[in-house]
């Protein structure tokens, strides 16, 4: 089987690549922005083909896409704070990039495509959980751009019959995550003896999903999902940021004196929650309990300073 993984040098995409490298012929396409790191692919060096390029480049995609049995699109700008400061790159990659890729897959007759997305496209939910029919209500430029890309992919499915499914997941954590996100940011700062910044009152709620469970779910959707459908990938722990902070402090033998309260993010969604019954009906169940996954993640960053210290210094 030949698989094209776009954004395959990033956090989640590289995990997908590392877990499939022994059983498929893999091509990784990545523009290597600040969050795309060749070091993420070192464990599978020689077992995948790397193409340095952009999903917004139609000529490149016309060369790379044909001949693949599956295309999985992890390529995206994904940091909310960066999107608030400057949304241009987010619209380019997350909307135009998806359209360019869908067109290339259509032209190539690609048998199967998965567009990887986020729960943030729904906005915020006070109680209960969204199912896949919930209306989109994104609040940040990042989330709005991801919603736009999802709609483009689904439009290609409905208009052209393109065999693409969309997955939407909760907050991911695990090894190789760029240290701007809350778990690696807090862990690496605490390891360096620095304070950690907590937004607002810390009451924002997120559902935490280990990257390995996410990638297994994406694989299942690729194999058993219906084209034109959306599938939710829920996490295993719904926590406030205060609760998450407490667990990270405990894991690193630190106390609340290391926490610096900072002004809340603009348009900060209060709570996300996904219902994942549709995916579970395909046979999915998460394997990594949060306590175990978080402990292993903290240990990974503690023992892989050579991976993250250059990123923090750049």
C-alpha atoms as a PDB file:
ATOM      1  CA  UNK A   1       0.000   0.000   0.000  1.00  0.00           C
ATOM      2  CA  UNK A   2       1.258   3.469  -0.884  1.00  0.00           C
ATOM      3  CA  UNK A   3       0.347   6.270   1.522  1.00  0.00           C
ATOM      4  CA  UNK A   4       0.978  10.003   1.124  1.00  0.00           C
ATOM      5  CA  UNK A   5       1.118  11.812   4.462  1.00  0.00           C
ATOM      6  CA  UNK A   6       0.977  15.593   4.127  1.00  0.00           C
ATOM      7  CA  UNK A   7       2.302  17.452   7.136  1.00  0.00           C
ATOM      8  CA  UNK A   8       4.102  14.236   7.997  1.00  0.00           C
ATOM      9  CA  UNK A   9       7.028  15.928   9.752  1.00  0.00           C
ATOM     10  CA  UNK A  10       4.757  17.547  12.333  1.00  0.00           C
ATOM     11  CA  UNK A  11       3.690  16.202  15.713  1.00  0.00           C
ATOM     12  CA  UNK A  12       0.686  14.052  14.780  1.00  0.00           C
ATOM     13  CA  UNK A  13       1.644  13.367  11.171  1.00  0.00           C
ATOM     14  CA  UNK A  14       5.084  12.049  12.134  1.00  0.00           C
ATOM     15  CA  UNK A  15       3.537   9.717  14.703  1.00  0.00           C
ATOM     16  CA  UNK A  16       1.286   8.316  11.979  1.00  0.00           C
ATOM     17  CA  UNK A  17       4.345   7.847   9.765  1.00  0.00           C
ATOM     18  CA  UNK A  18       6.386   6.145  12.490  1.00  0.00           C
ATOM     19  CA  UNK A  19       3.565   3.699  13.233  1.00  0.00           C
ATOM     20  CA  UNK A  20       3.020   2.757   9.562  1.00  0.00           C
ATOM     21  CA  UNK A  21       6.585   2.680   8.285  1.00  0.00           C
ATOM     22  CA  UNK A  22       7.003  -1.089   8.550  1.00  0.00           C
ATOM     23  CA  UNK A  23       3.820  -1.986   6.697  1.00  0.00           C
ATOM     24  CA  UNK A  24       3.331   0.570   3.927  1.00  0.00           C
ATOM     25  CA  UNK A  25       5.270   2.516   1.325  1.00  0.00           C
ATOM     26  CA  UNK A  26       5.176   6.038   2.709  1.00  0.00           C
ATOM     27  CA  UNK A  27       5.702   9.443   1.137  1.00  0.00           C
ATOM     28  CA  UNK A  28       5.926  12.431   3.473  1.00  0.00           C
ATOM     29  CA  UNK A  29       5.199  15.877   2.069  1.00  0.00           C
ATOM     30  CA  UNK A  30       6.005  18.740   4.420  1.00  0.00           C
ATOM     31  CA  UNK A  31       6.885  22.402   3.995  1.00  0.00           C
ATOM     32  CA  UNK A  32       9.007  22.300   7.182  1.00  0.00           C
ATOM     33  CA  UNK A  33       7.608  25.393   8.803  1.00  0.00           C
ATOM     34  CA  UNK A  34       8.696  26.004  12.394  1.00  0.00           C
ATOM     35  CA  UNK A  35       6.577  23.043  13.624  1.00  0.00           C
ATOM     36  CA  UNK A  36       7.684  20.616  10.898  1.00  0.00           C
ATOM     37  CA  UNK A  37      10.832  18.965  12.161  1.00  0.00           C
ATOM     38  CA  UNK A  38      13.000  16.486  10.214  1.00  0.00           C
ATOM     39  CA  UNK A  39      14.134  15.086  13.576  1.00  0.00           C
ATOM     40  CA  UNK A  40      10.621  13.701  14.028  1.00  0.00           C
ATOM     41  CA  UNK A  41      11.293  11.332  11.140  1.00  0.00           C
ATOM     42  CA  UNK A  42      14.762  10.155  12.203  1.00  0.00           C
ATOM     43  CA  UNK A  43      13.379   6.911  13.706  1.00  0.00           C
ATOM     44  CA  UNK A  44      12.090   5.925  10.229  1.00  0.00           C
ATOM     45  CA  UNK A  45      14.946   7.316   8.164  1.00  0.00           C
ATOM     46  CA  UNK A  46      15.341   5.208   5.040  1.00  0.00           C
ATOM     47  CA  UNK A  47      11.862   3.735   5.399  1.00  0.00           C
ATOM     48  CA  UNK A  48       9.912   6.620   3.873  1.00  0.00           C
ATOM     49  CA  UNK A  49      10.353   9.073   1.016  1.00  0.00           C
ATOM     50  CA  UNK A  50      10.511  12.717   2.045  1.00  0.00           C
ATOM     51  CA  UNK A  51       9.374  15.522  -0.267  1.00  0.00           C
ATOM     52  CA  UNK A  52      10.005  19.097   0.849  1.00  0.00           C
ATOM     53  CA  UNK A  53       7.041  21.039  -0.440  1.00  0.00           C
ATOM     54  CA  UNK A  54       3.750  22.816   0.050  1.00  0.00           C
ATOM     55  CA  UNK A  55       0.185  21.501  -0.336  1.00  0.00           C
ATOM     56  CA  UNK A  56      -0.640  24.864  -1.902  1.00  0.00           C
ATOM     57  CA  UNK A  57       1.637  24.041  -4.862  1.00  0.00           C
ATOM     58  CA  UNK A  58      -0.565  22.424  -7.552  1.00  0.00           C
ATOM     59  CA  UNK A  59       2.340  21.563  -9.855  1.00  0.00           C
ATOM     60  CA  UNK A  60       4.158  19.713  -7.091  1.00  0.00           C
ATOM     61  CA  UNK A  61       0.994  17.875  -6.052  1.00  0.00           C
ATOM     62  CA  UNK A  62       0.402  16.825  -9.663  1.00  0.00           C
ATOM     63  CA  UNK A  63       3.762  15.039  -9.458  1.00  0.00           C
ATOM     64  CA  UNK A  64       3.500  13.630  -5.941  1.00  0.00           C
ATOM     65  CA  UNK A  65      -0.144  12.562  -5.467  1.00  0.00           C
ATOM     66  CA  UNK A  66      -0.656  10.082  -8.362  1.00  0.00           C
ATOM     67  CA  UNK A  67      -0.012   6.443  -7.529  1.00  0.00           C
ATOM     68  CA  UNK A  68      -0.911   6.625  -3.843  1.00  0.00           C
ATOM     69  CA  UNK A  69      -3.680   4.431  -2.430  1.00  0.00           C
ATOM     70  CA  UNK A  70      -4.347   6.736   0.509  1.00  0.00           C
ATOM     71  CA  UNK A  71      -3.720  10.429   1.227  1.00  0.00           C
ATOM     72  CA  UNK A  72      -3.916  11.630   4.843  1.00  0.00           C
ATOM     73  CA  UNK A  73      -3.813  15.397   5.281  1.00  0.00           C
ATOM     74  CA  UNK A  74      -2.247  16.452   8.572  1.00  0.00           C
ATOM     75  CA  UNK A  75      -0.784  19.621   7.034  1.00  0.00           C
ATOM     76  CA  UNK A  76      -2.087  22.692   8.864  1.00  0.00           C
ATOM     77  CA  UNK A  77      -1.179  25.799  10.765  1.00  0.00           C
ATOM     78  CA  UNK A  78      -2.504  24.914  14.201  1.00  0.00           C
ATOM     79  CA  UNK A  79      -1.623  27.377  16.960  1.00  0.00           C
ATOM     80  CA  UNK A  80      -4.536  29.566  18.050  1.00  0.00           C
ATOM     81  CA  UNK A  81      -2.400  32.378  19.465  1.00  0.00           C
ATOM     82  CA  UNK A  82      -0.468  32.672  16.212  1.00  0.00           C
ATOM     83  CA  UNK A  83      -3.732  32.802  14.247  1.00  0.00           C
ATOM     84  CA  UNK A  84      -4.983  35.657  16.414  1.00  0.00           C
ATOM     85  CA  UNK A  85      -1.785  37.609  15.771  1.00  0.00           C
ATOM     86  CA  UNK A  86      -1.774  36.932  12.007  1.00  0.00           C
ATOM     87  CA  UNK A  87      -4.370  34.771  10.253  1.00  0.00           C
ATOM     88  CA  UNK A  88      -2.933  34.903   6.714  1.00  0.00           C
ATOM     89  CA  UNK A  89      -0.903  31.700   6.902  1.00  0.00           C
ATOM     90  CA  UNK A  90      -3.825  29.851   8.461  1.00  0.00           C
ATOM     91  CA  UNK A  91      -6.225  30.704   5.665  1.00  0.00           C
ATOM     92  CA  UNK A  92      -3.589  29.824   3.089  1.00  0.00           C
ATOM     93  CA  UNK A  93      -2.661  26.406   4.475  1.00  0.00           C
ATOM     94  CA  UNK A  94      -5.924  25.306   6.067  1.00  0.00           C
ATOM     95  CA  UNK A  95      -8.323  26.431   3.325  1.00  0.00           C
ATOM     96  CA  UNK A  96      -6.437  26.962   0.056  1.00  0.00           C
ATOM     97  CA  UNK A  97      -4.104  24.076   0.867  1.00  0.00           C
ATOM     98  CA  UNK A  98      -7.015  21.692   1.368  1.00  0.00           C
ATOM     99  CA  UNK A  99      -8.678  22.816  -1.866  1.00  0.00           C
ATOM    100  CA  UNK A 100      -5.439  22.382  -3.808  1.00  0.00           C
ATOM    101  CA  UNK A 101      -4.914  18.928  -2.342  1.00  0.00           C
ATOM    102  CA  UNK A 102      -8.512  17.820  -2.973  1.00  0.00           C
ATOM    103  CA  UNK A 103      -8.225  18.925  -6.594  1.00  0.00           C
ATOM    104  CA  UNK A 104      -4.973  17.003  -7.004  1.00  0.00           C
ATOM    105  CA  UNK A 105      -6.548  13.874  -5.505  1.00  0.00           C
ATOM    106  CA  UNK A 106      -9.532  14.233  -7.825  1.00  0.00           C
ATOM    107  CA  UNK A 107      -7.294  14.605 -10.856  1.00  0.00           C
ATOM    108  CA  UNK A 108      -5.204  11.599  -9.771  1.00  0.00           C
ATOM    109  CA  UNK A 109      -8.178   9.389  -8.972  1.00  0.00           C
ATOM    110  CA  UNK A 110      -6.936   8.787  -5.418  1.00  0.00           C
ATOM    111  CA  UNK A 111      -8.916   5.868  -3.944  1.00  0.00           C
ATOM    112  CA  UNK A 112      -9.086   7.181  -0.350  1.00  0.00           C
ATOM    113  CA  UNK A 113      -8.429  10.465   1.477  1.00  0.00           C
ATOM    114  CA  UNK A 114      -8.708  11.509   5.132  1.00  0.00           C
ATOM    115  CA  UNK A 115      -8.845  15.184   6.074  1.00  0.00           C
ATOM    116  CA  UNK A 116      -7.690  15.595   9.690  1.00  0.00           C
ATOM    117  CA  UNK A 117      -9.431  18.353  11.642  1.00  0.00           C
ATOM    118  CA  UNK A 118     -10.289  19.581  15.138  1.00  0.00           C
ATOM    119  CA  UNK A 119     -13.126  19.936  17.640  1.00  0.00           C
ATOM    120  CA  UNK A 120     -12.467  23.696  17.642  1.00  0.00           C
ATOM    121  CA  UNK A 121     -14.543  24.118  14.477  1.00  0.00           C
ATOM    122  CA  UNK A 122     -17.674  23.901  16.662  1.00  0.00           C
ATOM    123  CA  UNK A 123     -16.842  26.796  18.951  1.00  0.00           C
ATOM    124  CA  UNK A 124     -17.663  26.267  22.629  1.00  0.00           C
ATOM    125  CA  UNK A 125     -20.245  24.052  24.337  1.00  0.00           C
ATOM    126  CA  UNK A 126     -21.392  24.679  27.916  1.00  0.00           C
ATOM    127  CA  UNK A 127     -22.575  21.134  28.624  1.00  0.00           C
ATOM    128  CA  UNK A 128     -23.105  17.902  26.765  1.00  0.00           C
ATOM    129  CA  UNK A 129     -21.130  16.877  23.677  1.00  0.00           C
ATOM    130  CA  UNK A 130     -21.279  17.621  19.968  1.00  0.00           C
ATOM    131  CA  UNK A 131     -22.145  14.889  17.526  1.00  0.00           C
ATOM    132  CA  UNK A 132     -21.136  15.024  13.864  1.00  0.00           C
ATOM    133  CA  UNK A 133     -24.329  16.867  12.866  1.00  0.00           C
ATOM    134  CA  UNK A 134     -23.663  19.854  15.159  1.00  0.00           C
ATOM    135  CA  UNK A 135     -23.456  23.228  13.403  1.00  0.00           C
ATOM    136  CA  UNK A 136     -20.033  24.792  12.999  1.00  0.00           C
ATOM    137  CA  UNK A 137     -19.363  27.925  15.037  1.00  0.00           C
ATOM    138  CA  UNK A 138     -15.610  28.582  15.100  1.00  0.00           C
ATOM    139  CA  UNK A 139     -14.385  31.504  17.195  1.00  0.00           C
ATOM    140  CA  UNK A 140     -10.664  31.789  16.412  1.00  0.00           C
ATOM    141  CA  UNK A 141      -9.119  32.404  12.984  1.00  0.00           C
ATOM    142  CA  UNK A 142      -7.426  29.002  13.305  1.00  0.00           C
ATOM    143  CA  UNK A 143     -10.712  27.214  13.935  1.00  0.00           C
ATOM    144  CA  UNK A 144     -12.475  29.153  11.172  1.00  0.00           C
ATOM    145  CA  UNK A 145      -9.765  28.189   8.689  1.00  0.00           C
ATOM    146  CA  UNK A 146      -9.998  24.523   9.707  1.00  0.00           C
ATOM    147  CA  UNK A 147     -13.778  24.651   9.319  1.00  0.00           C
ATOM    148  CA  UNK A 148     -13.304  26.124   5.853  1.00  0.00           C
ATOM    149  CA  UNK A 149     -10.969  23.296   4.881  1.00  0.00           C
ATOM    150  CA  UNK A 150     -13.420  20.700   6.181  1.00  0.00           C
ATOM    151  CA  UNK A 151     -16.242  22.194   4.145  1.00  0.00           C
ATOM    152  CA  UNK A 152     -14.079  22.255   1.029  1.00  0.00           C
ATOM    153  CA  UNK A 153     -13.214  18.558   1.498  1.00  0.00           C
ATOM    154  CA  UNK A 154     -16.844  17.595   2.075  1.00  0.00           C
ATOM    155  CA  UNK A 155     -17.918  19.669  -0.926  1.00  0.00           C
ATOM    156  CA  UNK A 156     -15.501  17.710  -3.106  1.00  0.00           C
ATOM    157  CA  UNK A 157     -17.040  14.505  -1.734  1.00  0.00           C
ATOM    158  CA  UNK A 158     -20.588  15.601  -2.490  1.00  0.00           C
ATOM    159  CA  UNK A 159     -19.991  17.407  -5.777  1.00  0.00           C
ATOM    160  CA  UNK A 160     -17.347  15.194  -7.355  1.00  0.00           C
ATOM    161  CA  UNK A 161     -17.714  11.938  -5.434  1.00  0.00           C
ATOM    162  CA  UNK A 162     -14.205  12.293  -4.026  1.00  0.00           C
ATOM    163  CA  UNK A 163     -13.691   9.485  -1.452  1.00  0.00           C
ATOM    164  CA  UNK A 164     -12.690  11.761   1.439  1.00  0.00           C
ATOM    165  CA  UNK A 165     -13.711  11.519   5.091  1.00  0.00           C
ATOM    166  CA  UNK A 166     -13.109  14.124   7.800  1.00  0.00           C
ATOM    167  CA  UNK A 167     -11.926  13.389  11.337  1.00  0.00           C
ATOM    168  CA  UNK A 168     -12.244  15.836  14.234  1.00  0.00           C
ATOM    169  CA  UNK A 169     -10.356  15.262  17.467  1.00  0.00           C
ATOM    170  CA  UNK A 170      -9.829  16.713  20.918  1.00  0.00           C
ATOM    171  CA  UNK A 171      -6.581  18.106  22.313  1.00  0.00           C
ATOM    172  CA  UNK A 172      -3.629  15.841  21.517  1.00  0.00           C
ATOM    173  CA  UNK A 173      -0.610  15.174  23.718  1.00  0.00           C
ATOM    174  CA  UNK A 174       2.396  12.878  23.505  1.00  0.00           C
ATOM    175  CA  UNK A 175       6.056  12.818  22.431  1.00  0.00           C
ATOM    176  CA  UNK A 176       7.437  15.049  19.664  1.00  0.00           C
ATOM    177  CA  UNK A 177       4.845  17.809  20.219  1.00  0.00           C
ATOM    178  CA  UNK A 178       6.215  21.273  19.455  1.00  0.00           C
ATOM    179  CA  UNK A 179       6.799  23.082  22.777  1.00  0.00           C
ATOM    180  CA  UNK A 180       4.377  25.943  22.196  1.00  0.00           C
ATOM    181  CA  UNK A 181       1.389  23.743  23.159  1.00  0.00           C
ATOM    182  CA  UNK A 182       0.366  23.594  26.811  1.00  0.00           C
ATOM    183  CA  UNK A 183       1.648  20.134  27.817  1.00  0.00           C
ATOM    184  CA  UNK A 184       5.164  20.355  26.328  1.00  0.00           C
ATOM    185  CA  UNK A 185       5.358  24.083  27.134  1.00  0.00           C
ATOM    186  CA  UNK A 186       4.647  23.485  30.813  1.00  0.00           C
ATOM    187  CA  UNK A 187       6.804  20.351  31.035  1.00  0.00           C
ATOM    188  CA  UNK A 188       9.871  21.891  29.395  1.00  0.00           C
ATOM    189  CA  UNK A 189       9.603  25.124  31.379  1.00  0.00           C
ATOM    190  CA  UNK A 190       9.251  23.241  34.653  1.00  0.00           C
ATOM    191  CA  UNK A 191      12.215  21.057  33.729  1.00  0.00           C
ATOM    192  CA  UNK A 192      14.223  24.262  33.205  1.00  0.00           C
ATOM    193  CA  UNK A 193      13.136  25.732  36.543  1.00  0.00           C
ATOM    194  CA  UNK A 194      10.928  28.391  34.928  1.00  0.00           C
ATOM    195  CA  UNK A 195       7.390  29.505  35.724  1.00  0.00           C
ATOM    196  CA  UNK A 196       4.464  28.423  33.557  1.00  0.00           C
ATOM    197  CA  UNK A 197       1.776  30.806  32.187  1.00  0.00           C
ATOM    198  CA  UNK A 198      -1.844  29.973  32.990  1.00  0.00           C
ATOM    199  CA  UNK A 199      -4.535  31.822  31.033  1.00  0.00           C
ATOM    200  CA  UNK A 200      -7.312  33.614  32.930  1.00  0.00           C
ATOM    201  CA  UNK A 201      -9.023  31.670  35.699  1.00  0.00           C
ATOM    202  CA  UNK A 202      -7.826  28.308  34.351  1.00  0.00           C
ATOM    203  CA  UNK A 203     -11.391  27.076  34.030  1.00  0.00           C
ATOM    204  CA  UNK A 204     -11.289  26.307  30.302  1.00  0.00           C
ATOM    205  CA  UNK A 205     -12.098  22.630  29.720  1.00  0.00           C
ATOM    206  CA  UNK A 206     -10.394  20.386  27.176  1.00  0.00           C
ATOM    207  CA  UNK A 207     -10.685  16.680  26.359  1.00  0.00           C
ATOM    208  CA  UNK A 208      -7.238  15.056  26.156  1.00  0.00           C
ATOM    209  CA  UNK A 209      -6.370  12.451  23.510  1.00  0.00           C
ATOM    210  CA  UNK A 210      -3.073  10.599  23.235  1.00  0.00           C
ATOM    211  CA  UNK A 211      -1.527  10.971  19.789  1.00  0.00           C
ATOM    212  CA  UNK A 212      -1.306   7.199  19.376  1.00  0.00           C
ATOM    213  CA  UNK A 213      -5.062   6.782  19.882  1.00  0.00           C
ATOM    214  CA  UNK A 214      -5.637   9.608  17.413  1.00  0.00           C
ATOM    215  CA  UNK A 215      -3.511   7.970  14.734  1.00  0.00           C
ATOM    216  CA  UNK A 216      -5.162   4.583  15.238  1.00  0.00           C
ATOM    217  CA  UNK A 217      -8.531   6.252  14.792  1.00  0.00           C
ATOM    218  CA  UNK A 218      -7.422   7.980  11.588  1.00  0.00           C
ATOM    219  CA  UNK A 219      -6.248   4.637  10.248  1.00  0.00           C
ATOM    220  CA  UNK A 220      -9.613   3.056  11.101  1.00  0.00           C
ATOM    221  CA  UNK A 221     -11.514   5.823   9.308  1.00  0.00           C
ATOM    222  CA  UNK A 222      -9.275   5.357   6.270  1.00  0.00           C
ATOM    223  CA  UNK A 223     -10.061   1.643   6.245  1.00  0.00           C
ATOM    224  CA  UNK A 224     -13.723   1.530   7.276  1.00  0.00           C
ATOM    225  CA  UNK A 225     -15.124   5.061   7.196  1.00  0.00           C
ATOM    226  CA  UNK A 226     -17.648   6.236   4.655  1.00  0.00           C
ATOM    227  CA  UNK A 227     -16.645   8.876   2.107  1.00  0.00           C
ATOM    228  CA  UNK A 228     -18.311  12.216   2.707  1.00  0.00           C
ATOM    229  CA  UNK A 229     -18.745  11.525   6.425  1.00  0.00           C
ATOM    230  CA  UNK A 230     -17.317  13.168   9.551  1.00  0.00           C
ATOM    231  CA  UNK A 231     -15.975  11.103  12.471  1.00  0.00           C
ATOM    232  CA  UNK A 232     -15.221  12.355  15.989  1.00  0.00           C
ATOM    233  CA  UNK A 233     -12.205  11.140  17.952  1.00  0.00           C
ATOM    234  CA  UNK A 234     -12.828  11.913  21.625  1.00  0.00           C
ATOM    235  CA  UNK A 235     -10.206  11.881  24.340  1.00  0.00           C
ATOM    236  CA  UNK A 236     -10.029  10.023  27.648  1.00  0.00           C
ATOM    237  CA  UNK A 237      -9.847  12.879  30.160  1.00  0.00           C
ATOM    238  CA  UNK A 238     -11.917  16.055  30.338  1.00  0.00           C
ATOM    239  CA  UNK A 239      -9.971  18.513  32.480  1.00  0.00           C
ATOM    240  CA  UNK A 240      -9.900  22.200  33.255  1.00  0.00           C
ATOM    241  CA  UNK A 241      -6.573  23.859  32.590  1.00  0.00           C
ATOM    242  CA  UNK A 242      -6.255  24.208  36.374  1.00  0.00           C
ATOM    243  CA  UNK A 243      -6.631  20.443  36.770  1.00  0.00           C
ATOM    244  CA  UNK A 244      -4.127  19.775  34.003  1.00  0.00           C
ATOM    245  CA  UNK A 245      -1.673  22.226  35.569  1.00  0.00           C
ATOM    246  CA  UNK A 246      -2.005  20.492  38.937  1.00  0.00           C
ATOM    247  CA  UNK A 247      -1.159  17.132  37.379  1.00  0.00           C
ATOM    248  CA  UNK A 248       1.862  18.524  35.570  1.00  0.00           C
ATOM    249  CA  UNK A 249       3.125  20.250  38.717  1.00  0.00           C
ATOM    250  CA  UNK A 250       2.761  17.001  40.637  1.00  0.00           C
ATOM    251  CA  UNK A 251       4.528  14.996  37.906  1.00  0.00           C
ATOM    252  CA  UNK A 252       7.521  17.353  38.071  1.00  0.00           C
ATOM    253  CA  UNK A 253       7.592  17.847  41.847  1.00  0.00           C
ATOM    254  CA  UNK A 254       6.716  21.533  41.531  1.00  0.00           C
ATOM    255  CA  UNK A 255       4.199  23.682  43.402  1.00  0.00           C
ATOM    256  CA  UNK A 256       1.799  26.509  42.568  1.00  0.00           C
ATOM    257  CA  UNK A 257       4.483  29.141  43.170  1.00  0.00           C
ATOM    258  CA  UNK A 258       5.720  28.183  39.684  1.00  0.00           C
ATOM    259  CA  UNK A 259       2.425  29.254  38.058  1.00  0.00           C
ATOM    260  CA  UNK A 260       2.121  32.795  36.660  1.00  0.00           C
ATOM    261  CA  UNK A 261      -1.404  33.973  35.899  1.00  0.00           C
ATOM    262  CA  UNK A 262      -1.602  35.797  32.550  1.00  0.00           C
ATOM    263  CA  UNK A 263      -4.471  37.636  30.819  1.00  0.00           C
ATOM    264  CA  UNK A 264      -6.892  35.343  29.054  1.00  0.00           C
ATOM    265  CA  UNK A 265      -6.600  34.705  25.320  1.00  0.00           C
ATOM    266  CA  UNK A 266      -8.956  36.655  23.058  1.00  0.00           C
ATOM    267  CA  UNK A 267     -12.052  34.634  22.170  1.00  0.00           C
ATOM    268  CA  UNK A 268     -10.925  31.772  24.395  1.00  0.00           C
ATOM    269  CA  UNK A 269     -13.422  28.909  24.012  1.00  0.00           C
ATOM    270  CA  UNK A 270     -14.603  27.701  27.407  1.00  0.00           C
ATOM    271  CA  UNK A 271     -15.228  24.017  26.739  1.00  0.00           C
ATOM    272  CA  UNK A 272     -14.968  21.417  23.964  1.00  0.00           C
ATOM    273  CA  UNK A 273     -16.540  17.961  24.045  1.00  0.00           C
ATOM    274  CA  UNK A 274     -17.078  15.364  21.317  1.00  0.00           C
ATOM    275  CA  UNK A 275     -19.438  12.386  21.152  1.00  0.00           C
ATOM    276  CA  UNK A 276     -17.588   9.554  19.413  1.00  0.00           C
ATOM    277  CA  UNK A 277     -20.243   6.833  19.085  1.00  0.00           C
ATOM    278  CA  UNK A 278     -20.034   6.889  15.304  1.00  0.00           C
ATOM    279  CA  UNK A 279     -16.317   6.014  15.403  1.00  0.00           C
ATOM    280  CA  UNK A 280     -16.794   3.398  18.125  1.00  0.00           C
ATOM    281  CA  UNK A 281     -19.365   1.705  15.892  1.00  0.00           C
ATOM    282  CA  UNK A 282     -16.459   1.050  13.497  1.00  0.00           C
ATOM    283  CA  UNK A 283     -14.605  -0.772  16.266  1.00  0.00           C
ATOM    284  CA  UNK A 284     -12.555   2.020  17.855  1.00  0.00           C
ATOM    285  CA  UNK A 285     -11.699   2.350  21.527  1.00  0.00           C
ATOM    286  CA  UNK A 286      -8.856   4.395  23.045  1.00  0.00           C
ATOM    287  CA  UNK A 287      -6.020   2.400  24.608  1.00  0.00           C
ATOM    288  CA  UNK A 288      -4.002   5.015  26.490  1.00  0.00           C
ATOM    289  CA  UNK A 289      -5.422   6.123  29.816  1.00  0.00           C
ATOM    290  CA  UNK A 290      -4.571   9.726  30.562  1.00  0.00           C
ATOM    291  CA  UNK A 291      -2.560   9.152  33.746  1.00  0.00           C
ATOM    292  CA  UNK A 292      -0.321   6.618  32.018  1.00  0.00           C
ATOM    293  CA  UNK A 293      -0.008   8.665  28.836  1.00  0.00           C
ATOM    294  CA  UNK A 294       0.824  11.875  30.689  1.00  0.00           C
ATOM    295  CA  UNK A 295       3.478  10.155  32.833  1.00  0.00           C
ATOM    296  CA  UNK A 296       5.100   8.657  29.730  1.00  0.00           C
ATOM    297  CA  UNK A 297       4.970  12.016  27.956  1.00  0.00           C
ATOM    298  CA  UNK A 298       6.617  13.842  30.858  1.00  0.00           C
ATOM    299  CA  UNK A 299       9.332  11.172  30.950  1.00  0.00           C
ATOM    300  CA  UNK A 300       9.889  11.485  27.196  1.00  0.00           C
ATOM    301  CA  UNK A 301      10.545  15.230  27.420  1.00  0.00           C
ATOM    302  CA  UNK A 302      12.771  14.725  30.464  1.00  0.00           C
ATOM    303  CA  UNK A 303      14.922  12.239  28.531  1.00  0.00           C
ATOM    304  CA  UNK A 304      14.875  13.969  25.127  1.00  0.00           C
ATOM    305  CA  UNK A 305      16.324  17.398  25.819  1.00  0.00           C
ATOM    306  CA  UNK A 306      18.392  17.127  22.643  1.00  0.00           C
ATOM    307  CA  UNK A 307      15.127  17.147  20.667  1.00  0.00           C
ATOM    308  CA  UNK A 308      13.382  20.105  22.278  1.00  0.00           C
ATOM    309  CA  UNK A 309      16.165  22.415  23.502  1.00  0.00           C
ATOM    310  CA  UNK A 310      17.076  23.581  19.965  1.00  0.00           C
ATOM    311  CA  UNK A 311      13.401  24.361  19.316  1.00  0.00           C
ATOM    312  CA  UNK A 312      13.158  26.481  22.444  1.00  0.00           C
ATOM    313  CA  UNK A 313      16.356  28.321  21.529  1.00  0.00           C
ATOM    314  CA  UNK A 314      15.255  29.193  17.992  1.00  0.00           C
END
